[in-house]
PDB file of N, CA and C in Angstrom:
ATOM      1  N   UNK A   1     228.417 332.292 129.138  1.00  0.00           N
ATOM      2  CA  UNK A   1     227.621 331.282 128.011  1.00  0.00           C
ATOM      3  C   UNK A   1     225.830 331.971 129.141  1.00  0.00           C
ATOM      4  N   UNK A   2     225.077 332.614 129.094  1.00  0.00           N
ATOM      5  CA  UNK A   2     223.447 332.737 128.811  1.00  0.00           C
ATOM      6  C   UNK A   2     223.886 333.528 127.799  1.00  0.00           C
ATOM      7  N   UNK A   3     224.642 334.700 127.482  1.00  0.00           N
ATOM      8  CA  UNK A   3     223.606 334.984 126.201  1.00  0.00           C
ATOM      9  C   UNK A   3     224.263 334.101 124.612  1.00  0.00           C
ATOM     10  N   UNK A   4     225.581 333.203 124.741  1.00  0.00           N
ATOM     11  CA  UNK A   4     225.484 331.474 124.238  1.00  0.00           C
ATOM     12  C   UNK A   4     224.623 331.280 124.362  1.00  0.00           C
ATOM     13  N   UNK A   5     223.537 331.048 125.088  1.00  0.00           N
ATOM     14  CA  UNK A   5     221.975 330.810 124.922  1.00  0.00           C
ATOM     15  C   UNK A   5     220.944 330.598 124.245  1.00  0.00           C
ATOM     16  N   UNK A   6     221.144 332.077 125.090  1.00  0.00           N
ATOM     17  CA  UNK A   6     219.936 333.338 124.318  1.00  0.00           C
ATOM     18  C   UNK A   6     220.298 333.202 122.787  1.00  0.00           C
ATOM     19  N   UNK A   7     221.178 334.127 122.281  1.00  0.00           N
ATOM     20  CA  UNK A   7     221.710 333.201 121.103  1.00  0.00           C
ATOM     21  C   UNK A   7     220.755 333.199 120.341  1.00  0.00           C
ATOM     22  N   UNK A   8     221.460 331.951 120.800  1.00  0.00           N
ATOM     23  CA  UNK A   8     221.424 330.700 120.446  1.00  0.00           C
ATOM     24  C   UNK A   8     220.324 329.879 120.177  1.00  0.00           C
ATOM     25  N   UNK A   9     219.056 330.129 120.947  1.00  0.00           N
ATOM     26  CA  UNK A   9     217.681 329.620 121.358  1.00  0.00           C
ATOM     27  C   UNK A   9     217.797 328.407 121.267  1.00  0.00           C
ATOM     28  N   UNK A  10     218.799 327.874 122.051  1.00  0.00           N
ATOM     29  CA  UNK A  10     218.881 326.507 121.895  1.00  0.00           C
ATOM     30  C   UNK A  10     217.718 325.671 122.888  1.00  0.00           C
ATOM     31  N   UNK A  11     217.767 324.283 122.234  1.00  0.00           N
ATOM     32  CA  UNK A  11     216.899 323.664 123.231  1.00  0.00           C
ATOM     33  C   UNK A  11     217.065 322.890 124.597  1.00  0.00           C
ATOM     34  N   UNK A  12     216.513 322.790 125.791  1.00  0.00           N
ATOM     35  CA  UNK A  12     217.681 322.099 127.305  1.00  0.00           C
ATOM     36  C   UNK A  12     218.490 320.147 126.506  1.00  0.00           C
ATOM     37  N   UNK A  13     218.286 320.038 125.510  1.00  0.00           N
ATOM     38  CA  UNK A  13     218.869 318.337 124.939  1.00  0.00           C
ATOM     39  C   UNK A  13     220.454 318.669 124.242  1.00  0.00           C
ATOM     40  N   UNK A  14     220.504 320.571 124.559  1.00  0.00           N
ATOM     41  CA  UNK A  14     222.015 320.614 123.355  1.00  0.00           C
ATOM     42  C   UNK A  14     222.734 321.369 124.015  1.00  0.00           C
ATOM     43  N   UNK A  15     222.723 322.106 125.743  1.00  0.00           N
ATOM     44  CA  UNK A  15     222.919 322.263 126.487  1.00  0.00           C
ATOM     45  C   UNK A  15     224.515 321.708 127.008  1.00  0.00           C
ATOM     46  N   UNK A  16     224.596 320.437 126.452  1.00  0.00           N
ATOM     47  CA  UNK A  16     225.412 319.892 126.676  1.00  0.00           C
ATOM     48  C   UNK A  16     226.477 320.441 125.632  1.00  0.00           C
ATOM     49  N   UNK A  17     225.934 320.051 123.904  1.00  0.00           N
ATOM     50  CA  UNK A  17     227.488 321.176 123.732  1.00  0.00           C
ATOM     51  C   UNK A  17     227.383 322.381 124.046  1.00  0.00           C
ATOM     52  N   UNK A  18     226.499 322.979 124.290  1.00  0.00           N
ATOM     53  CA  UNK A  18     227.061 324.507 124.886  1.00  0.00           C
ATOM     54  C   UNK A  18     227.940 324.758 126.205  1.00  0.00           C
ATOM     55  N   UNK A  19     227.477 323.516 127.050  1.00  0.00           N
ATOM     56  CA  UNK A  19     228.983 324.407 127.919  1.00  0.00           C
ATOM     57  C   UNK A  19     230.256 322.966 127.519  1.00  0.00           C
ATOM     58  N   UNK A  20     230.014 322.432 126.372  1.00  0.00           N
ATOM     59  CA  UNK A  20     231.460 321.244 125.884  1.00  0.00           C
ATOM     60  C   UNK A  20     232.071 322.199 125.913  1.00  0.00           C
ATOM     61  N   UNK A  21     231.364 323.916 124.762  1.00  0.00           N
ATOM     62  CA  UNK A  21     231.859 324.503 123.777  1.00  0.00           C
ATOM     63  C   UNK A  21     232.804 326.060 124.834  1.00  0.00           C
ATOM     64  N   UNK A  22     231.280 326.308 126.052  1.00  0.00           N
ATOM     65  CA  UNK A  22     231.926 327.346 126.753  1.00  0.00           C
ATOM     66  C   UNK A  22     232.999 326.626 127.561  1.00  0.00           C
ATOM     67  N   UNK A  23     233.599 325.697 127.680  1.00  0.00           N
ATOM     68  CA  UNK A  23     234.773 324.872 128.271  1.00  0.00           C
ATOM     69  C   UNK A  23     235.796 325.406 127.035  1.00  0.00           C
ATOM     70  N   UNK A  24     235.688 325.345 126.232  1.00  0.00           N
ATOM     71  CA  UNK A  24     237.014 325.088 124.762  1.00  0.00           C
ATOM     72  C   UNK A  24     237.227 326.219 124.909  1.00  0.00           C
ATOM     73  N   UNK A  25     235.546 327.149 125.195  1.00  0.00           N
ATOM     74  CA  UNK A  25     236.598 328.469 124.611  1.00  0.00           C
ATOM     75  C   UNK A  25     238.020 329.339 125.551  1.00  0.00           C
ATOM     76  N   UNK A  26     237.339 328.832 126.978  1.00  0.00           N
ATOM     77  CA  UNK A  26     237.681 329.310 128.418  1.00  0.00           C
ATOM     78  C   UNK A  26     239.085 328.724 127.675  1.00  0.00           C
ATOM     79  N   UNK A  27     239.808 326.764 127.817  1.00  0.00           N
ATOM     80  CA  UNK A  27     240.965 326.969 128.025  1.00  0.00           C
ATOM     81  C   UNK A  27     241.767 326.450 128.993  1.00  0.00           C
ATOM     82  N   UNK A  28     240.432 326.147 130.208  1.00  0.00           N
ATOM     83  CA  UNK A  28     241.593 326.367 131.098  1.00  0.00           C
ATOM     84  C   UNK A  28     241.215 324.668 130.686  1.00  0.00           C
ATOM     85  N   UNK A  29     242.401 323.587 131.476  1.00  0.00           N
ATOM     86  CA  UNK A  29     242.408 322.720 132.182  1.00  0.00           C
ATOM     87  C   UNK A  29     243.056 321.931 133.553  1.00  0.00           C
ATOM     88  N   UNK A  30     242.481 320.690 133.552  1.00  0.00           N
ATOM     89  CA  UNK A  30     242.674 320.516 134.691  1.00  0.00           C
ATOM     90  C   UNK A  30     243.356 320.085 135.034  1.00  0.00           C
ATOM     91  N   UNK A  31     244.049 320.396 136.795  1.00  0.00           N
ATOM     92  CA  UNK A  31     246.006 319.882 136.778  1.00  0.00           C
ATOM     93  C   UNK A  31     245.288 318.765 136.245  1.00  0.00           C
ATOM     94  N   UNK A  32     245.563 317.502 136.503  1.00  0.00           N
ATOM     95  CA  UNK A  32     245.751 316.510 136.303  1.00  0.00           C
ATOM     96  C   UNK A  32     245.672 315.809 134.825  1.00  0.00           C
ATOM     97  N   UNK A  33     245.077 316.990 133.668  1.00  0.00           N
ATOM     98  CA  UNK A  33     245.373 316.774 132.887  1.00  0.00           C
ATOM     99  C   UNK A  33     246.806 317.219 132.275  1.00  0.00           C
ATOM    100  N   UNK A  34     247.108 318.555 132.813  1.00  0.00           N
ATOM    101  CA  UNK A  34     247.788 318.642 132.470  1.00  0.00           C
ATOM    102  C   UNK A  34     249.291 318.397 133.200  1.00  0.00           C
ATOM    103  N   UNK A  35     249.345 317.378 134.053  1.00  0.00           N
ATOM    104  CA  UNK A  35     250.308 316.917 134.850  1.00  0.00           C
ATOM    105  C   UNK A  35     249.763 315.815 133.875  1.00  0.00           C
ATOM    106  N   UNK A  36     249.838 314.759 132.697  1.00  0.00           N
ATOM    107  CA  UNK A  36     249.183 314.074 131.648  1.00  0.00           C
ATOM    108  C   UNK A  36     249.431 314.509 130.553  1.00  0.00           C
ATOM    109  N   UNK A  37     249.502 315.770 130.703  1.00  0.00           N
ATOM    110  CA  UNK A  37     250.084 315.878 128.868  1.00  0.00           C
ATOM    111  C   UNK A  37     251.567 315.918 129.258  1.00  0.00           C
ATOM    112  N   UNK A  38     252.045 316.537 130.362  1.00  0.00           N
ATOM    113  CA  UNK A  38     253.639 316.427 130.588  1.00  0.00           C
ATOM    114  C   UNK A  38     254.460 315.147 130.480  1.00  0.00           C
ATOM    115  N   UNK A  39     253.560 314.333 130.960  1.00  0.00           N
ATOM    116  CA  UNK A  39     253.946 312.846 130.190  1.00  0.00           C
ATOM    117  C   UNK A  39     254.756 312.284 131.993  1.00  0.00           C
ATOM    118  N   UNK A  40     254.068 312.254 133.323  1.00  0.00           N
ATOM    119  CA  UNK A  40     253.873 312.740 134.392  1.00  0.00           C
ATOM    120  C   UNK A  40     252.981 311.541 134.936  1.00  0.00           C
ATOM    121  N   UNK A  41     253.936 311.276 136.093  1.00  0.00           N
ATOM    122  CA  UNK A  41     252.437 310.508 137.070  1.00  0.00           C
ATOM    123  C   UNK A  41     250.675 310.327 137.235  1.00  0.00           C
ATOM    124  N   UNK A  42     249.918 310.929 137.521  1.00  0.00           N
ATOM    125  CA  UNK A  42     248.601 311.936 137.596  1.00  0.00           C
ATOM    126  C   UNK A  42     248.724 311.388 138.676  1.00  0.00           C
ATOM    127  N   UNK A  43     248.914 310.320 139.480  1.00  0.00           N
ATOM    128  CA  UNK A  43     248.340 309.709 141.085  1.00  0.00           C
ATOM    129  C   UNK A  43     249.538 310.718 141.713  1.00  0.00           C
ATOM    130  N   UNK A  44     250.873 310.739 141.194  1.00  0.00           N
ATOM    131  CA  UNK A  44     251.656 311.331 142.718  1.00  0.00           C
ATOM    132  C   UNK A  44     251.562 313.110 141.745  1.00  0.00           C
ATOM    133  N   UNK A  45     251.697 312.884 141.180  1.00  0.00           N
ATOM    134  CA  UNK A  45     252.519 313.982 140.364  1.00  0.00           C
ATOM    135  C   UNK A  45     251.939 315.576 141.045  1.00  0.00           C
ATOM    136  N   UNK A  46     250.216 315.145 140.813  1.00  0.00           N
ATOM    137  CA  UNK A  46     249.056 316.016 140.765  1.00  0.00           C
ATOM    138  C   UNK A  46     248.927 316.560 142.710  1.00  0.00           C
ATOM    139  N   UNK A  47     249.181 315.481 143.126  1.00  0.00           N
ATOM    140  CA  UNK A  47     248.716 316.043 144.711  1.00  0.00           C
ATOM    141  C   UNK A  47     250.216 316.726 144.960  1.00  0.00           C
ATOM    142  N   UNK A  48     251.371 315.877 144.525  1.00  0.00           N
ATOM    143  CA  UNK A  48     253.137 316.408 145.043  1.00  0.00           C
ATOM    144  C   UNK A  48     253.390 317.786 145.468  1.00  0.00           C
ATOM    145  N   UNK A  49     253.647 318.520 146.422  1.00  0.00           N
ATOM    146  CA  UNK A  49     254.176 319.626 146.243  1.00  0.00           C
ATOM    147  C   UNK A  49     255.508 320.255 145.146  1.00  0.00           C
ATOM    148  N   UNK A  50     255.430 321.136 144.790  1.00  0.00           N
ATOM    149  CA  UNK A  50     256.527 321.401 143.760  1.00  0.00           C
ATOM    150  C   UNK A  50     258.099 321.793 144.200  1.00  0.00           C
ATOM    151  N   UNK A  51     259.267 320.745 144.004  1.00  0.00           N
ATOM    152  CA  UNK A  51     260.831 320.922 144.816  1.00  0.00           C
ATOM    153  C   UNK A  51     261.292 321.807 144.534  1.00  0.00           C
ATOM    154  N   UNK A  52     262.465 321.729 145.746  1.00  0.00           N
ATOM    155  CA  UNK A  52     262.861 323.319 144.919  1.00  0.00           C
ATOM    156  C   UNK A  52     263.819 323.152 143.382  1.00  0.00           C
ATOM    157  N   UNK A  53     263.805 321.956 143.202  1.00  0.00           N
ATOM    158  CA  UNK A  53     264.913 321.635 142.319  1.00  0.00           C
ATOM    159  C   UNK A  53     263.586 321.201 140.414  1.00  0.00           C
ATOM    160  N   UNK A  54     261.931 321.297 140.872  1.00  0.00           N
ATOM    161  CA  UNK A  54     261.262 321.581 139.814  1.00  0.00           C
ATOM    162  C   UNK A  54     260.699 322.811 138.857  1.00  0.00           C
ATOM    163  N   UNK A  55     261.140 324.018 140.756  1.00  0.00           N
ATOM    164  CA  UNK A  55     259.881 325.218 140.589  1.00  0.00           C
ATOM    165  C   UNK A  55     261.623 325.725 139.065  1.00  0.00           C
ATOM    166  N   UNK A  56     262.835 325.775 139.412  1.00  0.00           N
ATOM    167  CA  UNK A  56     264.019 326.044 138.449  1.00  0.00           C
ATOM    168  C   UNK A  56     262.709 325.369 136.606  1.00  0.00           C
ATOM    169  N   UNK A  57     263.224 324.696 136.848  1.00  0.00           N
ATOM    170  CA  UNK A  57     262.223 324.012 135.612  1.00  0.00           C
ATOM    171  C   UNK A  57     261.552 324.542 134.804  1.00  0.00           C
ATOM    172  N   UNK A  58     260.149 324.612 135.280  1.00  0.00           N
ATOM    173  CA  UNK A  58     258.441 324.943 135.990  1.00  0.00           C
ATOM    174  C   UNK A  58     258.596 327.052 135.038  1.00  0.00           C
ATOM    175  N   UNK A  59     259.227 327.759 135.838  1.00  0.00           N
ATOM    176  CA  UNK A  59     259.710 329.103 134.968  1.00  0.00           C
ATOM    177  C   UNK A  59     260.335 329.151 134.152  1.00  0.00           C
ATOM    178  N   UNK A  60     260.879 328.348 133.394  1.00  0.00           N
ATOM    179  CA  UNK A  60     261.434 328.058 132.709  1.00  0.00           C
ATOM    180  C   UNK A  60     260.508 327.729 131.577  1.00  0.00           C
ATOM    181  N   UNK A  61     259.480 326.579 131.613  1.00  0.00           N
ATOM    182  CA  UNK A  61     258.459 326.493 130.546  1.00  0.00           C
ATOM    183  C   UNK A  61     257.640 327.173 130.328  1.00  0.00           C
ATOM    184  N   UNK A  62     257.298 328.274 131.751  1.00  0.00           N
ATOM    185  CA  UNK A  62     256.178 329.396 131.979  1.00  0.00           C
ATOM    186  C   UNK A  62     257.343 330.100 130.409  1.00  0.00           C
ATOM    187  N   UNK A  63     258.762 330.120 130.458  1.00  0.00           N
ATOM    188  CA  UNK A  63     258.911 331.708 130.087  1.00  0.00           C
ATOM    189  C   UNK A  63     258.831 331.770 128.707  1.00  0.00           C
ATOM    190  N   UNK A  64     258.515 329.860 129.043  1.00  0.00           N
ATOM    191  CA  UNK A  64     259.247 329.865 127.105  1.00  0.00           C
ATOM    192  C   UNK A  64     257.756 329.744 126.694  1.00  0.00           C
ATOM    193  N   UNK A  65     257.121 329.508 127.080  1.00  0.00           N
ATOM    194  CA  UNK A  65     255.386 330.567 126.729  1.00  0.00           C
ATOM    195  C   UNK A  65     254.527 331.279 126.631  1.00  0.00           C
ATOM    196  N   UNK A  66     255.048 331.975 127.763  1.00  0.00           N
ATOM    197  CA  UNK A  66     255.646 334.065 127.528  1.00  0.00           C
ATOM    198  C   UNK A  66     256.521 333.684 126.093  1.00  0.00           C
ATOM    199  N   UNK A  67     257.301 333.634 125.185  1.00  0.00           N
ATOM    200  CA  UNK A  67     258.231 334.445 124.818  1.00  0.00           C
ATOM    201  C   UNK A  67     257.362 333.814 123.209  1.00  0.00           C
ATOM    202  N   UNK A  68     257.208 332.824 123.150  1.00  0.00           N
ATOM    203  CA  UNK A  68     256.391 332.244 122.589  1.00  0.00           C
ATOM    204  C   UNK A  68     255.117 333.391 121.654  1.00  0.00           C
ATOM    205  N   UNK A  69     254.793 333.920 122.994  1.00  0.00           N
ATOM    206  CA  UNK A  69     253.482 334.793 122.567  1.00  0.00           C
ATOM    207  C   UNK A  69     254.094 336.225 122.673  1.00  0.00           C
ATOM    208  N   UNK A  70     255.015 337.135 122.415  1.00  0.00           N
ATOM    209  CA  UNK A  70     255.999 337.682 122.164  1.00  0.00           C
ATOM    210  C   UNK A  70     256.589 338.814 121.350  1.00  0.00           C
ATOM    211  N   UNK A  71     256.682 339.019 119.839  1.00  0.00           N
ATOM    212  CA  UNK A  71     257.804 339.349 119.221  1.00  0.00           C
ATOM    213  C   UNK A  71     258.771 339.843 119.580  1.00  0.00           C
ATOM    214  N   UNK A  72     259.747 339.353 119.142  1.00  0.00           N
ATOM    215  CA  UNK A  72     261.010 340.050 120.015  1.00  0.00           C
ATOM    216  C   UNK A  72     261.830 341.251 119.194  1.00  0.00           C
ATOM    217  N   UNK A  73     261.419 342.760 119.357  1.00  0.00           N
ATOM    218  CA  UNK A  73     261.536 343.857 118.195  1.00  0.00           C
ATOM    219  C   UNK A  73     262.193 344.140 118.330  1.00  0.00           C
ATOM    220  N   UNK A  74     264.038 344.286 118.822  1.00  0.00           N
ATOM    221  CA  UNK A  74     265.169 344.028 119.700  1.00  0.00           C
ATOM    222  C   UNK A  74     265.775 343.614 117.958  1.00  0.00           C
ATOM    223  N   UNK A  75     265.517 342.206 118.216  1.00  0.00           N
ATOM    224  CA  UNK A  75     266.135 341.257 116.894  1.00  0.00           C
ATOM    225  C   UNK A  75     265.130 341.452 115.160  1.00  0.00           C
ATOM    226  N   UNK A  76     263.926 342.514 114.804  1.00  0.00           N
ATOM    227  CA  UNK A  76     263.147 342.368 114.438  1.00  0.00           C
ATOM    228  C   UNK A  76     263.365 341.759 113.582  1.00  0.00           C
ATOM    229  N   UNK A  77     262.933 340.797 114.464  1.00  0.00           N
ATOM    230  CA  UNK A  77     262.639 339.791 114.188  1.00  0.00           C
ATOM    231  C   UNK A  77     260.455 339.108 113.511  1.00  0.00           C
ATOM    232  N   UNK A  78     260.310 337.492 113.489  1.00  0.00           N
ATOM    233  CA  UNK A  78     258.746 338.537 112.533  1.00  0.00           C
ATOM    234  C   UNK A  78     258.329 337.134 113.333  1.00  0.00           C
ATOM    235  N   UNK A  79     256.507 336.305 114.067  1.00  0.00           N
ATOM    236  CA  UNK A  79     256.662 335.686 113.758  1.00  0.00           C
ATOM    237  C   UNK A  79     256.287 334.906 111.929  1.00  0.00           C
ATOM    238  N   UNK A  80     256.856 333.560 111.950  1.00  0.00           N
ATOM    239  CA  UNK A  80     256.416 332.913 110.343  1.00  0.00           C
ATOM    240  C   UNK A  80     255.536 331.466 111.531  1.00  0.00           C
ATOM    241  N   UNK A  81     254.777 331.399 109.706  1.00  0.00           N
ATOM    242  CA  UNK A  81     254.548 330.074 109.475  1.00  0.00           C
ATOM    243  C   UNK A  81     255.234 329.424 109.050  1.00  0.00           C
ATOM    244  N   UNK A  82     255.349 327.632 109.131  1.00  0.00           N
ATOM    245  CA  UNK A  82     256.147 326.858 108.805  1.00  0.00           C
ATOM    246  C   UNK A  82     255.691 327.096 107.105  1.00  0.00           C
ATOM    247  N   UNK A  83     254.630 326.724 106.259  1.00  0.00           N
ATOM    248  CA  UNK A  83     254.829 327.784 105.608  1.00  0.00           C
ATOM    249  C   UNK A  83     255.641 327.860 104.287  1.00  0.00           C
ATOM    250  N   UNK A  84     255.571 328.971 105.321  1.00  0.00           N
ATOM    251  CA  UNK A  84     256.956 330.519 104.830  1.00  0.00           C
ATOM    252  C   UNK A  84     258.368 330.446 104.832  1.00  0.00           C
ATOM    253  N   UNK A  85     258.501 328.983 105.989  1.00  0.00           N
ATOM    254  CA  UNK A  85     259.393 329.207 106.383  1.00  0.00           C
ATOM    255  C   UNK A  85     260.034 327.300 106.026  1.00  0.00           C
ATOM    256  N   UNK A  86     259.333 326.769 105.284  1.00  0.00           N
ATOM    257  CA  UNK A  86     259.311 325.349 104.341  1.00  0.00           C
ATOM    258  C   UNK A  86     259.620 325.533 103.165  1.00  0.00           C
ATOM    259  N   UNK A  87     259.552 326.500 102.333  1.00  0.00           N
ATOM    260  CA  UNK A  87     260.339 326.451 100.855  1.00  0.00           C
ATOM    261  C   UNK A  87     262.059 326.594 101.542  1.00  0.00           C
ATOM    262  N   UNK A  88     262.634 326.963 101.989  1.00  0.00           N
ATOM    263  CA  UNK A  88     264.010 327.939 102.650  1.00  0.00           C
ATOM    264  C   UNK A  88     264.023 326.473 103.652  1.00  0.00           C
ATOM    265  N   UNK A  89     264.538 326.168 103.923  1.00  0.00           N
ATOM    266  CA  UNK A  89     264.715 323.926 104.426  1.00  0.00           C
ATOM    267  C   UNK A  89     265.427 323.654 103.964  1.00  0.00           C
ATOM    268  N   UNK A  90     264.587 323.406 102.727  1.00  0.00           N
ATOM    269  CA  UNK A  90     265.230 322.779 101.542  1.00  0.00           C
ATOM    270  C   UNK A  90     266.296 322.913 101.591  1.00  0.00           C
ATOM    271  N   UNK A  91     266.682 324.523 100.769  1.00  0.00           N
ATOM    272  CA  UNK A  91     268.453 325.049 100.431  1.00  0.00           C
ATOM    273  C   UNK A  91     269.247 324.809 101.947  1.00  0.00           C
ATOM    274  N   UNK A  92     268.886 325.372 103.275  1.00  0.00           N
ATOM    275  CA  UNK A  92     269.620 324.659 104.716  1.00  0.00           C
ATOM    276  C   UNK A  92     269.678 323.467 104.629  1.00  0.00           C
ATOM    277  N   UNK A  93     269.003 322.986 103.973  1.00  0.00           N
ATOM    278  CA  UNK A  93     269.144 321.102 104.713  1.00  0.00           C
ATOM    279  C   UNK A  93     270.582 321.343 102.948  1.00  0.00           C
ATOM    280  N   UNK A  94     270.390 321.548 102.099  1.00  0.00           N
ATOM    281  CA  UNK A  94     271.684 321.227 100.896  1.00  0.00           C
ATOM    282  C   UNK A  94     273.331 321.687 102.088  1.00  0.00           C
ATOM    283  N   UNK A  95     272.468 322.817 102.303  1.00  0.00           N
ATOM    284  CA  UNK A  95     274.314 323.632 102.728  1.00  0.00           C
ATOM    285  C   UNK A  95     274.780 322.989 103.946  1.00  0.00           C
ATOM    286  N   UNK A  96     274.019 322.447 104.746  1.00  0.00           N
ATOM    287  CA  UNK A  96     274.308 321.383 105.969  1.00  0.00           C
ATOM    288  C   UNK A  96     275.245 320.044 105.999  1.00  0.00           C
ATOM    289  N   UNK A  97     274.311 319.494 104.110  1.00  0.00           N
ATOM    290  CA  UNK A  97     275.401 318.322 103.782  1.00  0.00           C
ATOM    291  C   UNK A  97     276.194 318.300 103.774  1.00  0.00           C
ATOM    292  N   UNK A  98     276.350 319.257 102.594  1.00  0.00           N
ATOM    293  CA  UNK A  98     277.865 319.853 101.536  1.00  0.00           C
ATOM    294  C   UNK A  98     278.399 320.519 102.758  1.00  0.00           C
ATOM    295  N   UNK A  99     278.687 321.059 103.113  1.00  0.00           N
ATOM    296  CA  UNK A  99     279.198 321.982 104.561  1.00  0.00           C
ATOM    297  C   UNK A  99     280.458 320.953 105.712  1.00  0.00           C
ATOM    298  N   UNK A 100     281.475 320.724 105.925  1.00  0.00           N
ATOM    299  CA  UNK A 100     281.968 320.210 105.891  1.00  0.00           C
ATOM    300  C   UNK A 100     282.406 320.403 106.713  1.00  0.00           C
ATOM    301  N   UNK A 101     282.631 319.888 108.087  1.00  0.00           N
ATOM    302  CA  UNK A 101     282.708 320.134 110.130  1.00  0.00           C
ATOM    303  C   UNK A 101     284.333 319.933 110.110  1.00  0.00           C
ATOM    304  N   UNK A 102     285.386 320.329 109.931  1.00  0.00           N
ATOM    305  CA  UNK A 102     286.154 320.619 110.750  1.00  0.00           C
ATOM    306  C   UNK A 102     286.637 320.670 112.504  1.00  0.00           C
ATOM    307  N   UNK A 103     287.627 319.985 112.436  1.00  0.00           N
ATOM    308  CA  UNK A 103     286.978 319.860 113.980  1.00  0.00           C
ATOM    309  C   UNK A 103     288.755 320.854 114.573  1.00  0.00           C
ATOM    310  N   UNK A 104     288.920 322.693 115.520  1.00  0.00           N
ATOM    311  CA  UNK A 104     289.291 322.951 115.552  1.00  0.00           C
ATOM    312  C   UNK A 104     291.018 322.550 116.281  1.00  0.00           C
ATOM    313  N   UNK A 105     291.087 321.277 116.900  1.00  0.00           N
ATOM    314  CA  UNK A 105     291.982 320.331 117.208  1.00  0.00           C
ATOM    315  C   UNK A 105     292.035 318.878 116.246  1.00  0.00           C
ATOM    316  N   UNK A 106     293.137 318.423 116.824  1.00  0.00           N
ATOM    317  CA  UNK A 106     292.933 316.571 115.088  1.00  0.00           C
ATOM    318  C   UNK A 106     292.605 316.810 116.244  1.00  0.00           C
ATOM    319  N   UNK A 107     292.171 315.921 117.594  1.00  0.00           N
ATOM    320  CA  UNK A 107     290.651 315.737 118.519  1.00  0.00           C
ATOM    321  C   UNK A 107     291.232 315.641 118.997  1.00  0.00           C
ATOM    322  N   UNK A 108     290.248 315.072 120.469  1.00  0.00           N
ATOM    323  CA  UNK A 108     289.416 315.429 121.219  1.00  0.00           C
ATOM    324  C   UNK A 108     290.961 315.583 122.907  1.00  0.00           C
ATOM    325  N   UNK A 109     292.262 314.526 122.734  1.00  0.00           N
ATOM    326  CA  UNK A 109     292.797 314.357 123.607  1.00  0.00           C
ATOM    327  C   UNK A 109     293.727 314.762 123.185  1.00  0.00           C
ATOM    328  N   UNK A 110     293.739 315.562 122.210  1.00  0.00           N
ATOM    329  CA  UNK A 110     295.460 315.949 121.472  1.00  0.00           C
ATOM    330  C   UNK A 110     296.971 314.918 120.794  1.00  0.00           C
ATOM    331  N   UNK A 111     295.713 313.464 121.418  1.00  0.00           N
ATOM    332  CA  UNK A 111     296.786 312.642 120.552  1.00  0.00           C
ATOM    333  C   UNK A 111     297.582 312.989 119.032  1.00  0.00           C
ATOM    334  N   UNK A 112     298.929 313.036 119.867  1.00  0.00           N
ATOM    335  CA  UNK A 112     300.045 313.051 117.962  1.00  0.00           C
ATOM    336  C   UNK A 112     300.253 311.729 116.673  1.00  0.00           C
ATOM    337  N   UNK A 113     299.636 311.449 116.822  1.00  0.00           N
ATOM    338  CA  UNK A 113     299.460 309.847 116.279  1.00  0.00           C
ATOM    339  C   UNK A 113     301.573 309.161 115.860  1.00  0.00           C
ATOM    340  N   UNK A 114     301.949 310.082 115.077  1.00  0.00           N
ATOM    341  CA  UNK A 114     303.746 310.195 115.223  1.00  0.00           C
ATOM    342  C   UNK A 114     304.204 309.388 117.147  1.00  0.00           C
ATOM    343  N   UNK A 115     303.498 310.181 117.002  1.00  0.00           N
ATOM    344  CA  UNK A 115     304.260 309.480 118.783  1.00  0.00           C
ATOM    345  C   UNK A 115     303.263 308.149 120.115  1.00  0.00           C
ATOM    346  N   UNK A 116     302.818 307.442 119.227  1.00  0.00           N
ATOM    347  CA  UNK A 116     302.235 306.801 119.792  1.00  0.00           C
ATOM    348  C   UNK A 116     302.611 304.996 119.671  1.00  0.00           C
ATOM    349  N   UNK A 117     302.891 305.109 121.092  1.00  0.00           N
ATOM    350  CA  UNK A 117     303.353 303.556 121.800  1.00  0.00           C
ATOM    351  C   UNK A 117     303.239 303.033 121.582  1.00  0.00           C
ATOM    352  N   UNK A 118     303.646 301.435 120.934  1.00  0.00           N
ATOM    353  CA  UNK A 118     303.167 299.691 120.733  1.00  0.00           C
ATOM    354  C   UNK A 118     303.576 299.552 121.359  1.00  0.00           C
ATOM    355  N   UNK A 119     302.993 299.322 122.656  1.00  0.00           N
ATOM    356  CA  UNK A 119     303.170 298.572 124.090  1.00  0.00           C
ATOM    357  C   UNK A 119     303.179 296.838 123.976  1.00  0.00           C
ATOM    358  N   UNK A 120     302.975 296.185 122.898  1.00  0.00           N
ATOM    359  CA  UNK A 120     302.762 294.958 122.237  1.00  0.00           C
ATOM    360  C   UNK A 120     304.007 295.224 121.737  1.00  0.00           C
ATOM    361  N   UNK A 121     304.628 295.612 120.909  1.00  0.00           N
ATOM    362  CA  UNK A 121     305.879 295.681 119.817  1.00  0.00           C
ATOM    363  C   UNK A 121     307.541 295.954 121.077  1.00  0.00           C
ATOM    364  N   UNK A 122     306.469 296.576 122.212  1.00  0.00           N
ATOM    365  CA  UNK A 122     307.545 296.760 123.246  1.00  0.00           C
ATOM    366  C   UNK A 122     308.674 295.236 124.214  1.00  0.00           C
ATOM    367  N   UNK A 123     307.163 294.581 124.376  1.00  0.00           N
ATOM    368  CA  UNK A 123     307.225 293.601 124.543  1.00  0.00           C
ATOM    369  C   UNK A 123     308.033 292.287 124.590  1.00  0.00           C
ATOM    370  N   UNK A 124     307.630 292.624 122.703  1.00  0.00           N
ATOM    371  CA  UNK A 124     307.713 291.279 121.775  1.00  0.00           C
ATOM    372  C   UNK A 124     309.776 291.502 121.507  1.00  0.00           C
ATOM    373  N   UNK A 125     309.851 292.103 121.989  1.00  0.00           N
ATOM    374  CA  UNK A 125     311.535 292.831 121.438  1.00  0.00           C
ATOM    375  C   UNK A 125     311.882 292.346 122.745  1.00  0.00           C
ATOM    376  N   UNK A 126     311.193 292.423 123.740  1.00  0.00           N
ATOM    377  CA  UNK A 126     312.391 292.158 125.120  1.00  0.00           C
ATOM    378  C   UNK A 126     312.224 290.611 125.760  1.00  0.00           C
ATOM    379  N   UNK A 127     311.266 290.320 124.959  1.00  0.00           N
ATOM    380  CA  UNK A 127     311.519 288.775 125.331  1.00  0.00           C
ATOM    381  C   UNK A 127     312.307 287.840 124.398  1.00  0.00           C
TER     382      UNK A 127
END
């Protein structure tokens, strides 16, 4: 921070800007701000300990953060920006719209339409 002040020879009125820029370069965030970004209640969550149910979720969040920073060499994938993918999205959307998905079974329950019993028809005949 001192090097930044000396290189710019900033007057004392610019110290606030300098501190703000140094803070942004570090990209550190307070615990309360972090909790607010996760859409949790800051007054409760910031003081609470992590429960055994929440810990695996935080581990998963951290793994995903780390995986976003690494390239997957075994799959020969590269990070791509939205601009490089955008031209392919139209073709992918068209394929998804035209592709008809047929269920592997006639229905979820496997009911045969020919063997459906109509209770109302039986009750009318029985009366």
